Amino acid sequence: MDRRLFLKLSAALSGSMVISTGLTGCSSTAGLPENPVSFSHGVASGDPSADSIILWTRAVPAGDSPSATVFWEIAADSNFSDILRSGHAKAIAARDYTIKVDVRELSPSTRYFYRFSTATETSPAGKTLTLPAGQVDNVKLGLFSCSNYPAGFFTPYLAASADESIDFVLHLGDYIYEYAGDGYATERAAELGRTFATDNDEEIITLADYRNRYAIYRTDKGLKALHQNKPWIVVWDDHEVANDTYITGAENHQPDEGDFFKRRAAAVQAYYEWLPIRPPVSDTDPTIYRTFEFGDLLSLYMLDTRIIGRDKQLSYAAFTDEETGQFDDIGFTAALVAEDRTMLGLQQRDWLFESLEKSNATWQVLGQQVLMGKMFFPAEIFSGTPREEIPSKIHALADIRRKQIAGQPVSDEETARLNTTMAYNLDAWDGYPAERETLYKQFREKGKAAVVFAGDTHNGWCNKLTTGNNQAVGIEFGTSSVSSPGMESYLTMDNNEAHRLAQALPLLVKDLEYCNLNLRGYMTVTFTPQEVEANWLYVSTISSEDVHIASVHTARFTQAELLS
């Protein structure tokens, strides 16, 4: 983002939080005006450390009042009989009436309860948790991505909110979508009662647009419940700004939509207002990448692969002659493997490598947006094959692979069909292979296994991570979407066909261990000193709020297995 815009944003946001330490005195609602205030968007907490937590709410005053003063308190018990800290905070229109309190000097691995109130109203009570410190035996994370309001109810959030075993929530991006009310995944919006208000029914571009979009998302029952019951660690992907965002633009930003950097500044400001995350500091460039330390068990690095460093995505079409259809293989390959091609940017990459060097934790974990594993499909699947014929093409190729595995004769032509591959998604790390190899090299040199989290694709994935020389680096866990449609929609498959295709793909994609192509849900990932256990949990429906967990897939790995 343009530095002046970022610094202006930083200055605005740096004063938006109340900083609370052990020296803060007690206070109450006594003396507060009796102006009615709405806490209609609930409460939230996030950005935990071993001794601090961000508390969040939105307090909208009635009428035309430009501000409201709110009383907050944090306690050791759900009855609020043991108040540990309290104070006042002001909700003002310039911050969309959102409030953040940075409560510090807390105890590690401790459950706290909090709420906000005025002279006449009290918010729902939230519960939160600080990070553990020292020797840690177990941490369980919940992973989420891609919640599209018109597509359905956020039932994965709702199901997870009742799971007491989840310690912390990680959201890997696409918390909102920028599209118009008649755009992507809106086919059932009216039927489900998931339409936008008339003042927010077009593609969102301005600060008011982004704020209003967050406001409608935060009315969802499941989202409110998960924010209320768990501390969140968040990072953005592209749709918090616009589809396929990169450092200087986005696929879904057009010249007639104004200045891209102004749009991005508005999107970032709304994000920091509405999410329980520490805002940028005014005297530095605001960056979202940061580290969370879970004692000696794991170091979690939340990365930004979108806004601050990503070069523009390549496309096969840009290297294809429109008249002859001839593909410029030499030009494409040269652009793809360029050593300076980056997704992270030099500053973030250096920070990550230095952090990896310093960490003594058992597990090194990357929380980021897009698939890192090599997703090289046989080229004929996507080379001019009509979309409706792709599943049958995959099955035919999988049958050839099955013959190979069984030791049956396979022709040279069939072998070539299997071995001629292409990356199916250049927006993912497959479009930035040189930087990926540089990252893998860092893990290999340090003898540390990489555990990578990814969202973005709307499907569940488990990928082995290997270098160009087929050396093991680690494992990738890709979570399904909360509500956005997956490959079953793109390829128009019913559940049975999607299941069959998910069984076939690992035969064709070398490093692919597991995939699910049609169900919505989330993941839990549990770390112990001995192993990491991943669970893909899929919900019964997103068409109503009457939900249960319909199926679970589990995978477990030790450090030794990940590096062998």
Protein backbone atom coordinates (compact mmCIF):
# COMPACT_ATOMS: atom_id res chain seq x y z
CA MET A 1 0.00 0.00 0.00
CA ASP A 2 1.15 3.54 -0.69
CA ARG A 3 3.23 4.53 2.33
CA ARG A 4 1.38 7.79 2.94
CA LEU A 5 -1.96 6.03 2.93
CA PHE A 6 -0.62 3.35 5.27
CA LEU A 7 0.84 5.89 7.67
CA LYS A 8 -2.38 7.89 7.63
CA LEU A 9 -4.25 4.69 8.41
CA SER A 10 -1.75 3.81 11.12
CA ALA A 11 -2.16 7.15 12.83
CA ALA A 12 -5.93 6.79 12.76
CA LEU A 13 -5.91 3.28 14.16
CA SER A 14 -3.11 3.57 16.69
CA GLY A 15 -5.35 5.70 18.90
CA SER A 16 -8.34 3.41 18.56
CA MET A 17 -7.46 1.02 21.37
CA VAL A 18 -7.59 1.25 25.13
CA ILE A 19 -4.37 -0.16 26.61
CA SER A 20 -5.05 -1.83 29.94
CA THR A 21 -2.36 -3.04 32.35
CA GLY A 22 -2.39 -4.18 35.95
CA LEU A 23 -2.19 -0.54 37.00
CA THR A 24 -5.64 0.23 35.60
CA GLY A 25 -8.05 1.26 38.33
CA CYS A 26 -11.55 -0.08 38.84
CA SER A 27 -14.49 1.75 37.35
CA SER A 28 -18.17 1.16 36.61
CA THR A 29 -21.15 2.31 34.56
CA ALA A 30 -21.91 4.94 37.21
CA GLY A 31 -22.21 8.35 35.65
CA LEU A 32 -22.51 7.09 32.07
CA PRO A 33 -25.33 8.77 30.08
CA GLU A 34 -28.45 6.68 29.56
CA ASN A 35 -28.27 6.92 25.79
CA PRO A 36 -29.37 3.52 24.38
CA VAL A 37 -26.56 1.57 22.73
CA SER A 38 -26.81 -1.55 20.56
CA PHE A 39 -24.33 -4.43 20.96
CA SER A 40 -25.98 -6.20 18.02
CA HIS A 41 -22.72 -7.55 16.58
CA GLY A 42 -21.70 -9.33 19.75
CA VAL A 43 -18.22 -9.54 21.20
CA ALA A 44 -14.90 -11.00 20.09
CA SER A 45 -11.35 -11.56 21.25
CA GLY A 46 -8.12 -12.19 19.41
CA ASP A 47 -4.39 -11.77 18.87
CA PRO A 48 -3.60 -13.66 22.08
CA SER A 49 -0.18 -13.78 23.65
CA ALA A 50 0.90 -15.40 26.91
CA ASP A 51 0.11 -12.19 28.78
CA SER A 52 -2.38 -10.20 26.67
CA ILE A 53 -5.56 -10.36 24.59
CA ILE A 54 -7.59 -7.99 22.40
CA LEU A 55 -11.24 -7.55 23.37
CA TRP A 56 -13.69 -6.25 20.74
CA THR A 57 -17.25 -5.04 20.44
CA ARG A 58 -19.33 -2.59 18.45
CA ALA A 59 -21.46 -0.13 20.40
CA VAL A 60 -23.82 1.83 18.17
CA PRO A 61 -25.62 4.67 19.94
CA ALA A 62 -29.24 5.44 19.18
CA GLY A 63 -30.21 8.42 17.10
CA ASP A 64 -27.59 10.77 15.71
CA SER A 65 -25.18 10.56 18.63
CA PRO A 66 -21.59 10.66 17.32
CA SER A 67 -20.17 8.58 20.18
CA ALA A 68 -20.90 6.36 23.14
CA THR A 69 -18.85 5.65 26.25
CA VAL A 70 -18.81 2.00 27.23
CA PHE A 71 -17.69 0.20 30.39
CA TRP A 72 -15.68 -3.01 29.91
CA GLU A 73 -14.57 -5.65 32.40
CA ILE A 74 -12.61 -8.89 32.36
CA ALA A 75 -13.02 -11.54 35.04
CA ALA A 76 -11.68 -14.89 36.19
CA ASP A 77 -15.15 -16.44 36.30
CA SER A 78 -18.28 -16.51 34.16
CA ASN A 79 -20.35 -14.92 36.94
CA PHE A 80 -18.06 -11.87 37.00
CA SER A 81 -17.68 -12.13 40.76
CA ASP A 82 -13.88 -11.91 40.44
CA ILE A 83 -13.28 -8.81 38.30
CA LEU A 84 -9.59 -8.54 37.38
CA ARG A 85 -9.62 -5.43 35.25
CA SER A 86 -12.14 -2.83 34.07
CA GLY A 87 -12.32 0.55 32.43
CA HIS A 88 -14.02 2.83 29.93
CA ALA A 89 -13.73 3.02 26.16
CA LYS A 90 -15.36 5.29 23.62
CA ALA A 91 -17.12 4.16 20.45
CA ILE A 92 -16.99 6.83 17.75
CA ALA A 93 -18.32 7.10 14.22
CA ALA A 94 -14.80 7.55 12.79
CA ARG A 95 -14.09 3.92 13.77
CA ASP A 96 -17.55 2.66 12.83
CA TYR A 97 -18.35 2.50 16.55
CA THR A 98 -15.99 -0.45 17.04
CA ILE A 99 -14.07 -0.73 20.30
CA LYS A 100 -10.85 -2.57 21.08
CA VAL A 101 -9.23 -3.06 24.45
CA ASP A 102 -5.69 -4.45 24.64
CA VAL A 103 -5.62 -6.12 28.05
CA ARG A 104 -2.06 -6.80 29.19
CA GLU A 105 -0.21 -8.31 32.16
CA LEU A 106 -2.42 -11.40 32.15
CA SER A 107 -1.41 -14.96 33.06
CA PRO A 108 -0.49 -17.58 30.41
CA SER A 109 -2.81 -20.43 29.44
CA THR A 110 -5.65 -18.88 31.43
CA ARG A 111 -9.38 -18.68 30.64
CA TYR A 112 -10.94 -15.25 31.06
CA PHE A 113 -14.45 -13.85 30.69
CA TYR A 114 -15.33 -10.36 29.49
CA ARG A 115 -18.25 -8.10 28.64
CA PHE A 116 -19.16 -4.51 27.80
CA SER A 117 -21.98 -2.42 29.21
CA THR A 118 -23.57 1.02 29.42
CA ALA A 119 -25.99 2.51 31.90
CA THR A 120 -28.83 0.62 30.25
CA GLU A 121 -27.43 -2.31 28.18
CA THR A 122 -24.96 -5.16 28.58
CA SER A 123 -23.29 -7.11 25.79
CA PRO A 124 -23.17 -10.90 25.65
CA ALA A 125 -20.38 -12.29 27.83
CA GLY A 126 -17.41 -13.63 25.92
CA LYS A 127 -14.74 -16.08 26.96
CA THR A 128 -11.15 -16.13 25.85
CA LEU A 129 -7.77 -17.73 26.48
CA THR A 130 -4.16 -16.58 26.62
CA LEU A 131 -1.36 -18.49 24.93
CA PRO A 132 0.55 -21.08 26.94
CA ALA A 133 4.15 -20.53 28.02
CA GLY A 134 7.04 -22.77 29.00
CA GLN A 135 6.62 -26.50 28.56
CA VAL A 136 3.44 -27.21 26.59
CA ASP A 137 2.03 -30.70 26.04
CA ASN A 138 -0.96 -30.04 23.81
CA VAL A 139 -2.51 -27.30 21.65
CA LYS A 140 -5.60 -27.66 19.46
CA LEU A 141 -6.31 -25.14 16.71
CA GLY A 142 -9.46 -24.69 14.62
CA LEU A 143 -8.86 -23.69 10.97
CA PHE A 144 -11.38 -21.79 8.84
CA SER A 145 -11.48 -20.07 5.46
CA CYS A 146 -13.82 -18.69 2.80
CA SER A 147 -17.15 -17.68 4.32
CA ASN A 148 -19.55 -16.39 1.67
CA TYR A 149 -22.73 -14.91 3.15
CA PRO A 150 -25.15 -15.40 0.22
CA ALA A 151 -23.99 -19.01 -0.32
CA GLY A 152 -25.40 -20.28 2.96
CA PHE A 153 -25.36 -20.21 6.74
CA PHE A 154 -21.98 -20.27 8.47
CA THR A 155 -22.73 -23.59 10.16
CA PRO A 156 -19.06 -24.69 10.42
CA TYR A 157 -18.56 -21.71 12.75
CA LEU A 158 -21.66 -22.74 14.69
CA ALA A 159 -20.53 -26.35 15.08
CA ALA A 160 -17.04 -25.34 16.21
CA SER A 161 -18.33 -22.79 18.72
CA ALA A 162 -19.65 -25.64 20.87
CA ASP A 163 -16.42 -27.66 20.72
CA GLU A 164 -14.74 -27.03 24.05
CA SER A 165 -11.59 -28.86 22.93
CA ILE A 166 -10.63 -26.13 20.41
CA ASP A 167 -8.24 -23.72 22.10
CA PHE A 168 -7.74 -21.08 19.40
CA VAL A 169 -9.34 -20.24 16.04
CA LEU A 170 -7.22 -19.47 12.98
CA HIS A 171 -8.96 -17.76 10.08
CA LEU A 172 -6.91 -17.99 6.89
CA GLY A 173 -8.73 -15.38 4.86
CA ASP A 174 -11.79 -14.59 2.74
CA TYR A 175 -13.66 -13.63 5.89
CA ILE A 176 -15.92 -11.59 3.56
CA TYR A 177 -16.42 -11.40 -0.21
CA GLU A 178 -16.53 -8.18 -2.18
CA TYR A 179 -18.96 -9.27 -4.91
CA ALA A 180 -22.37 -7.80 -5.69
CA GLY A 181 -25.55 -9.40 -4.43
CA ASP A 182 -26.21 -11.02 -7.81
CA GLY A 183 -22.63 -12.23 -8.27
CA TYR A 184 -20.66 -15.26 -7.13
CA ALA A 185 -22.50 -17.99 -5.16
CA THR A 186 -25.74 -16.01 -4.81
CA GLU A 187 -28.10 -18.50 -6.50
CA ARG A 188 -29.93 -19.43 -3.27
CA ALA A 189 -29.47 -16.16 -1.37
CA ALA A 190 -33.10 -15.05 -1.57
CA GLU A 191 -34.38 -18.53 -0.69
CA LEU A 192 -32.14 -18.66 2.39
CA GLY A 193 -32.74 -15.06 3.43
CA ARG A 194 -29.06 -14.22 2.83
CA THR A 195 -29.35 -11.16 0.60
CA PHE A 196 -27.63 -7.82 1.14
CA ALA A 197 -29.29 -4.52 1.99
CA THR A 198 -29.95 -2.19 -0.92
CA ASP A 199 -27.09 0.10 0.14
CA ASN A 200 -24.63 -2.82 0.02
CA ASP A 201 -25.91 -4.89 -2.90
CA GLU A 202 -23.28 -3.76 -5.41
CA GLU A 203 -19.59 -4.68 -5.48
CA ILE A 204 -17.98 -3.04 -2.46
CA ILE A 205 -15.36 -0.36 -3.13
CA THR A 206 -15.58 2.44 -0.55
CA LEU A 207 -14.92 2.41 3.18
CA ALA A 208 -18.67 2.60 3.85
CA ASP A 209 -19.19 -0.37 1.52
CA TYR A 210 -16.65 -2.56 3.31
CA ARG A 211 -17.97 -1.57 6.74
CA ASN A 212 -21.54 -2.43 5.75
CA ARG A 213 -20.45 -5.79 4.34
CA TYR A 214 -18.74 -6.71 7.62
CA ALA A 215 -21.84 -5.60 9.49
CA ILE A 216 -24.12 -8.02 7.62
CA TYR A 217 -21.63 -10.90 7.93
CA ARG A 218 -21.39 -10.34 11.67
CA THR A 219 -25.13 -10.91 12.08
CA ASP A 220 -24.65 -14.61 11.29
CA LYS A 221 -25.45 -16.76 14.32
CA GLY A 222 -22.48 -19.11 13.90
CA LEU A 223 -19.95 -16.36 13.33
CA LYS A 224 -21.12 -14.43 16.38
CA ALA A 225 -20.99 -17.59 18.51
CA LEU A 226 -17.48 -18.57 17.48
CA HIS A 227 -16.18 -15.04 18.08
CA GLN A 228 -17.86 -15.01 21.48
CA ASN A 229 -16.47 -18.37 22.61
CA LYS A 230 -12.92 -18.53 21.19
CA PRO A 231 -9.95 -16.19 20.73
CA TRP A 232 -9.15 -15.67 17.03
CA ILE A 233 -5.89 -15.32 15.09
CA VAL A 234 -6.64 -13.87 11.67
CA VAL A 235 -5.05 -12.96 8.38
CA TRP A 236 -6.60 -11.70 5.17
CA ASP A 237 -6.67 -13.28 1.71
CA ASP A 238 -7.83 -11.56 -1.48
CA HIS A 239 -11.60 -11.12 -1.08
CA GLU A 240 -11.20 -8.82 1.92
CA VAL A 241 -10.04 -6.44 -0.84
CA ALA A 242 -10.87 -7.89 -4.29
CA ASN A 243 -10.45 -11.20 -6.11
CA ASP A 244 -6.85 -12.17 -6.90
CA THR A 245 -5.27 -9.18 -5.22
CA TYR A 246 -1.56 -8.53 -5.75
CA ILE A 247 0.74 -5.70 -4.73
CA THR A 248 -0.46 -3.13 -7.27
CA GLY A 249 -3.91 -4.32 -8.30
CA ALA A 250 -6.46 -7.11 -8.43
CA GLU A 251 -8.26 -9.15 -11.07
CA ASN A 252 -11.55 -7.78 -9.76
CA HIS A 253 -10.53 -4.13 -9.71
CA GLN A 254 -11.30 -2.27 -12.94
CA PRO A 255 -10.15 1.20 -14.06
CA ASP A 256 -13.66 2.62 -13.70
CA GLU A 257 -13.68 1.60 -10.02
CA GLY A 258 -11.24 4.32 -9.01
CA ASP A 259 -7.76 4.21 -7.55
CA PHE A 260 -6.82 0.70 -6.40
CA PHE A 261 -4.65 1.90 -3.50
CA LYS A 262 -7.50 4.02 -2.15
CA ARG A 263 -9.79 1.00 -2.33
CA ARG A 264 -7.22 -1.16 -0.61
CA ALA A 265 -6.72 1.41 2.14
CA ALA A 266 -10.47 1.40 2.77
CA ALA A 267 -10.55 -2.40 2.86
CA VAL A 268 -7.64 -2.60 5.29
CA GLN A 269 -9.15 0.04 7.56
CA ALA A 270 -12.47 -1.79 7.73
CA TYR A 271 -10.65 -5.06 8.39
CA TYR A 272 -8.74 -3.62 11.34
CA GLU A 273 -11.92 -2.02 12.69
CA TRP A 274 -14.02 -5.18 12.55
CA LEU A 275 -11.54 -7.93 13.45
CA PRO A 276 -10.06 -8.52 16.93
CA ILE A 277 -6.50 -7.84 15.82
CA ARG A 278 -3.93 -5.30 16.99
CA PRO A 279 -3.88 -2.42 14.52
CA PRO A 280 -0.65 -1.28 12.89
CA VAL A 281 1.72 0.96 14.85
CA SER A 282 1.87 4.52 13.58
CA ASP A 283 5.65 4.80 13.25
CA THR A 284 6.13 1.69 11.07
CA ASP A 285 4.64 0.36 7.88
CA PRO A 286 1.57 -1.57 8.97
CA THR A 287 2.00 -5.28 8.28
CA ILE A 288 -0.22 -8.19 9.20
CA TYR A 289 2.44 -10.89 9.30
CA ARG A 290 3.39 -11.80 12.86
CA THR A 291 4.40 -14.66 15.18
CA PHE A 292 2.49 -16.47 17.92
CA GLU A 293 4.53 -18.56 20.37
CA PHE A 294 2.83 -21.52 22.08
CA GLY A 295 5.53 -22.13 24.68
CA ASP A 296 8.14 -24.65 23.60
CA LEU A 297 5.64 -26.60 21.47
CA LEU A 298 5.09 -24.51 18.35
CA SER A 299 5.88 -21.25 16.63
CA LEU A 300 3.07 -20.02 14.38
CA TYR A 301 3.97 -17.57 11.62
CA MET A 302 0.94 -15.83 10.11
CA LEU A 303 1.91 -14.73 6.60
CA ASP A 304 0.55 -12.21 4.10
CA THR A 305 0.74 -13.71 0.60
CA ARG A 306 -1.53 -11.05 -0.91
CA ILE A 307 -1.09 -7.38 -0.20
CA ILE A 308 2.43 -6.32 0.64
CA GLY A 309 4.67 -8.32 -1.68
CA ARG A 310 2.91 -10.49 -4.26
CA ASP A 311 3.87 -10.03 -7.90
CA LYS A 312 0.96 -10.16 -10.34
CA GLN A 313 -0.23 -13.67 -11.11
CA LEU A 314 0.76 -15.25 -14.40
CA SER A 315 -1.86 -16.71 -16.73
CA TYR A 316 -1.62 -19.25 -19.50
CA ALA A 317 -3.83 -17.06 -21.67
CA ALA A 318 -1.30 -14.21 -21.57
CA PHE A 319 1.23 -16.49 -23.30
CA THR A 320 -1.18 -17.87 -25.89
CA ASP A 321 -1.51 -16.29 -29.35
CA GLU A 322 -5.16 -15.30 -29.82
CA GLU A 323 -5.11 -15.98 -33.57
CA THR A 324 -3.09 -19.19 -33.82
CA GLY A 325 -3.65 -20.62 -30.34
CA GLN A 326 0.12 -21.23 -30.12
CA PHE A 327 1.44 -21.30 -26.56
CA ASP A 328 4.76 -19.55 -25.86
CA ASP A 329 6.26 -22.25 -23.68
CA ILE A 330 9.72 -20.68 -23.54
CA GLY A 331 8.43 -17.25 -22.56
CA PHE A 332 6.04 -18.66 -19.98
CA THR A 333 8.66 -20.87 -18.37
CA ALA A 334 11.16 -18.02 -18.16
CA ALA A 335 8.60 -15.80 -16.43
CA LEU A 336 7.44 -18.55 -14.10
CA VAL A 337 10.85 -19.57 -12.75
CA ALA A 338 12.30 -16.06 -12.46
CA GLU A 339 14.41 -15.92 -9.29
CA ASP A 340 13.02 -12.52 -8.23
CA ARG A 341 9.39 -13.57 -8.59
CA THR A 342 7.83 -13.24 -5.14
CA MET A 343 4.65 -13.78 -3.21
CA LEU A 344 5.95 -12.70 0.20
CA GLY A 345 8.16 -9.76 -0.66
CA LEU A 346 11.78 -9.47 0.48
CA GLN A 347 11.06 -7.83 3.85
CA GLN A 348 8.54 -10.44 4.95
CA ARG A 349 10.68 -13.31 3.66
CA ASP A 350 13.72 -12.07 5.58
CA TRP A 351 11.60 -11.74 8.72
CA LEU A 352 10.33 -15.30 8.31
CA PHE A 353 13.79 -16.77 7.81
CA GLU A 354 15.17 -14.89 10.82
CA SER A 355 12.21 -16.07 12.92
CA LEU A 356 12.75 -19.68 11.86
CA GLU A 357 16.41 -19.38 12.81
CA LYS A 358 15.60 -18.10 16.30
CA SER A 359 12.78 -20.50 17.14
CA ASN A 360 13.47 -23.46 19.42
CA ALA A 361 9.90 -24.74 19.30
CA THR A 362 9.20 -28.36 18.39
CA TRP A 363 6.88 -27.42 15.51
CA GLN A 364 7.26 -24.70 12.89
CA VAL A 365 3.87 -23.74 11.44
CA LEU A 366 2.96 -21.39 8.58
CA GLY A 367 -0.55 -19.93 8.67
CA GLN A 368 -1.20 -18.59 5.19
CA GLN A 369 -3.72 -18.41 2.39
CA VAL A 370 -3.04 -20.46 -0.75
CA LEU A 371 -1.94 -24.04 -1.47
CA MET A 372 1.81 -24.53 -1.22
CA GLY A 373 1.99 -28.17 -2.35
CA LYS A 374 2.69 -28.98 -5.98
CA MET A 375 -0.67 -29.44 -7.66
CA PHE A 376 0.52 -30.61 -11.09
CA PHE A 377 -2.32 -32.24 -13.03
CA PRO A 378 -1.97 -34.13 -16.34
CA ALA A 379 -2.05 -31.29 -18.86
CA GLU A 380 -4.81 -32.74 -21.01
CA ILE A 381 -7.31 -32.33 -18.16
CA PHE A 382 -7.34 -28.56 -18.61
CA SER A 383 -6.01 -28.18 -22.16
CA GLY A 384 -9.21 -27.43 -24.01
CA THR A 385 -11.27 -30.13 -22.29
CA PRO A 386 -14.90 -28.97 -21.85
CA ARG A 387 -15.63 -28.55 -18.16
CA GLU A 388 -18.33 -31.22 -18.12
CA GLU A 389 -15.86 -33.77 -19.54
CA ILE A 390 -13.10 -33.18 -16.98
CA PRO A 391 -14.29 -35.84 -14.47
CA SER A 392 -14.38 -38.59 -17.12
CA LYS A 393 -10.94 -37.50 -18.34
CA ILE A 394 -9.55 -37.76 -14.79
CA HIS A 395 -11.06 -41.21 -14.32
CA ALA A 396 -9.57 -42.44 -17.61
CA LEU A 397 -6.12 -41.23 -16.60
CA ALA A 398 -6.50 -42.69 -13.10
CA ASP A 399 -7.25 -46.08 -14.69
CA ILE A 400 -3.94 -45.87 -16.56
CA ARG A 401 -2.15 -45.12 -13.29
CA ARG A 402 -3.85 -48.09 -11.64
CA LYS A 403 -2.53 -50.31 -14.42
CA GLN A 404 0.98 -48.95 -13.82
CA ILE A 405 0.73 -49.63 -10.09
CA ALA A 406 -0.48 -53.18 -10.76
CA GLY A 407 2.46 -53.83 -13.07
CA GLN A 408 0.28 -54.15 -16.17
CA PRO A 409 1.53 -53.00 -19.60
CA VAL A 410 1.19 -49.27 -20.28
CA SER A 411 2.01 -47.75 -23.66
CA ASP A 412 4.51 -44.95 -24.21
CA GLU A 413 1.61 -42.73 -25.26
CA GLU A 414 -0.25 -43.47 -22.03
CA THR A 415 2.89 -42.84 -19.98
CA ALA A 416 3.34 -39.49 -21.71
CA ARG A 417 -0.26 -38.57 -20.93
CA LEU A 418 0.43 -39.13 -17.22
CA ASN A 419 3.80 -37.42 -17.16
CA THR A 420 2.91 -34.29 -19.15
CA THR A 421 1.66 -32.08 -16.35
CA MET A 422 0.80 -28.46 -15.64
CA ALA A 423 -0.01 -26.38 -12.57
CA TYR A 424 -3.75 -25.96 -12.37
CA ASN A 425 -3.68 -22.78 -10.24
CA LEU A 426 -1.08 -20.10 -10.87
CA ASP A 427 -2.57 -17.95 -8.11
CA ALA A 428 -1.18 -20.47 -5.61
CA TRP A 429 2.48 -21.23 -4.81
CA ASP A 430 2.74 -23.18 -8.07
CA GLY A 431 2.85 -19.76 -9.72
CA TYR A 432 5.88 -18.74 -7.60
CA PRO A 433 8.11 -21.86 -7.67
CA ALA A 434 11.52 -20.19 -7.18
CA GLU A 435 10.47 -18.54 -3.94
CA ARG A 436 8.88 -21.78 -2.78
CA GLU A 437 12.18 -23.59 -3.33
CA THR A 438 13.98 -20.87 -1.38
CA LEU A 439 11.54 -21.36 1.48
CA TYR A 440 11.93 -25.13 1.39
CA LYS A 441 15.70 -24.74 1.44
CA GLN A 442 15.47 -22.82 4.71
CA PHE A 443 13.53 -25.62 6.37
CA ARG A 444 15.87 -28.31 5.01
CA GLU A 445 19.02 -26.46 6.15
CA LYS A 446 17.60 -26.02 9.64
CA GLY A 447 16.43 -29.64 9.83
CA LYS A 448 12.93 -28.47 10.74
CA ALA A 449 9.72 -29.94 9.36
CA ALA A 450 7.25 -27.44 7.91
CA VAL A 451 3.57 -27.66 8.77
CA VAL A 452 1.63 -25.40 6.42
CA PHE A 453 -2.01 -24.31 6.73
CA ALA A 454 -3.94 -23.16 3.66
CA GLY A 455 -7.46 -22.08 2.73
CA ASP A 456 -8.62 -20.37 -0.47
CA THR A 457 -9.67 -23.37 -2.59
CA HIS A 458 -12.97 -24.27 -0.82
CA ASN A 459 -11.89 -27.92 -0.70
CA GLY A 460 -10.04 -30.13 1.77
CA TRP A 461 -6.44 -31.13 0.93
CA CYS A 462 -3.44 -32.85 2.42
CA ASN A 463 -0.19 -32.46 0.48
CA LYS A 464 3.30 -33.70 1.07
CA LEU A 465 5.78 -30.85 0.65
CA THR A 466 8.82 -31.77 -1.42
CA THR A 467 11.64 -29.86 -3.07
CA GLY A 468 12.44 -29.95 -6.78
CA ASN A 469 14.84 -32.81 -5.94
CA ASN A 470 12.03 -34.73 -4.19
CA GLN A 471 13.40 -34.11 -0.69
CA ALA A 472 10.73 -34.10 2.01
CA VAL A 473 10.06 -30.75 3.69
CA GLY A 474 6.83 -31.25 5.58
CA ILE A 475 3.07 -31.43 5.21
CA GLU A 476 0.26 -29.10 4.16
CA PHE A 477 -3.26 -29.09 5.56
CA GLY A 478 -5.82 -27.29 3.40
CA THR A 479 -9.19 -26.59 4.97
CA SER A 480 -12.50 -26.64 3.16
CA SER A 481 -14.62 -23.50 3.00
CA VAL A 482 -17.18 -22.37 5.53
CA SER A 483 -19.80 -21.82 2.82
CA SER A 484 -18.22 -21.01 -0.57
CA PRO A 485 -18.88 -23.69 -3.22
CA GLY A 486 -16.05 -26.06 -4.11
CA MET A 487 -15.04 -28.16 -7.08
CA GLU A 488 -18.40 -29.94 -7.03
CA SER A 489 -19.93 -26.68 -8.25
CA TYR A 490 -17.23 -25.91 -10.82
CA LEU A 491 -17.50 -29.38 -12.37
CA THR A 492 -21.25 -29.82 -11.69
CA MET A 493 -20.86 -33.07 -9.73
CA ASP A 494 -23.23 -34.77 -7.32
CA ASN A 495 -21.83 -36.10 -4.04
CA ASN A 496 -21.16 -39.60 -5.37
CA GLU A 497 -19.22 -38.35 -8.38
CA ALA A 498 -17.28 -35.87 -6.23
CA HIS A 499 -16.30 -38.72 -3.90
CA ARG A 500 -15.13 -40.88 -6.81
CA LEU A 501 -13.10 -38.01 -8.21
CA ALA A 502 -11.50 -37.36 -4.82
CA GLN A 503 -10.36 -41.00 -4.78
CA ALA A 504 -8.87 -40.67 -8.27
CA LEU A 505 -6.93 -37.41 -7.94
CA PRO A 506 -4.22 -38.67 -5.51
CA LEU A 507 -3.32 -41.26 -8.16
CA LEU A 508 -2.51 -38.45 -10.61
CA VAL A 509 -1.09 -35.68 -8.40
CA LYS A 510 2.24 -36.89 -7.05
CA ASP A 511 2.32 -35.23 -3.63
CA LEU A 512 -1.41 -35.31 -2.94
CA GLU A 513 -2.31 -37.49 0.05
CA TYR A 514 -6.01 -36.69 0.44
CA CYS A 515 -8.72 -34.41 -0.89
CA ASN A 516 -12.42 -33.69 -0.46
CA LEU A 517 -14.11 -31.85 -3.33
CA ASN A 518 -17.69 -31.26 -2.24
CA LEU A 519 -18.25 -30.72 1.48
CA ARG A 520 -18.17 -27.58 3.59
CA GLY A 521 -16.51 -27.51 6.97
CA TYR A 522 -13.36 -26.76 8.93
CA MET A 523 -10.29 -28.43 10.42
CA THR A 524 -8.84 -29.05 13.83
CA VAL A 525 -5.10 -29.56 14.15
CA THR A 526 -3.68 -30.85 17.42
CA PHE A 527 0.01 -30.61 18.26
CA THR A 528 1.83 -32.65 20.89
CA PRO A 529 5.60 -33.05 21.27
CA GLN A 530 5.28 -36.43 19.52
CA GLU A 531 2.92 -35.82 16.58
CA VAL A 532 0.50 -33.58 14.74
CA GLU A 533 -3.07 -34.79 14.19
CA ALA A 534 -5.27 -33.19 11.54
CA ASN A 535 -9.03 -33.64 11.38
CA TRP A 536 -11.16 -32.46 8.46
CA LEU A 537 -14.70 -31.99 9.83
CA TYR A 538 -17.56 -31.63 7.37
CA VAL A 539 -20.98 -30.29 8.33
CA SER A 540 -24.35 -31.77 7.39
CA THR A 541 -25.69 -28.59 5.80
CA ILE A 542 -25.24 -24.88 5.15
CA SER A 543 -28.89 -24.53 4.11
CA SER A 544 -30.17 -24.22 7.68
CA GLU A 545 -28.78 -23.68 11.15
CA ASP A 546 -29.82 -27.20 12.22
CA VAL A 547 -26.35 -28.69 11.82
CA HIS A 548 -24.18 -31.57 12.95
CA ILE A 549 -20.80 -32.98 11.96
CA ALA A 550 -21.56 -35.43 9.14
CA SER A 551 -18.10 -36.88 8.51
CA VAL A 552 -14.48 -36.65 9.69
CA HIS A 553 -11.18 -37.54 8.03
CA THR A 554 -8.07 -37.90 10.21
CA ALA A 555 -4.34 -37.93 9.45
CA ARG A 556 -1.39 -38.14 11.88
CA PHE A 557 2.32 -37.49 11.36
CA THR A 558 5.47 -37.47 13.45
CA GLN A 559 8.40 -35.14 12.78
CA ALA A 560 10.43 -38.06 11.44
CA GLU A 561 7.67 -39.04 9.01
CA LEU A 562 7.45 -35.51 7.64
CA LEU A 563 11.18 -35.41 6.83
CA SER A 564 11.48 -38.90 5.38
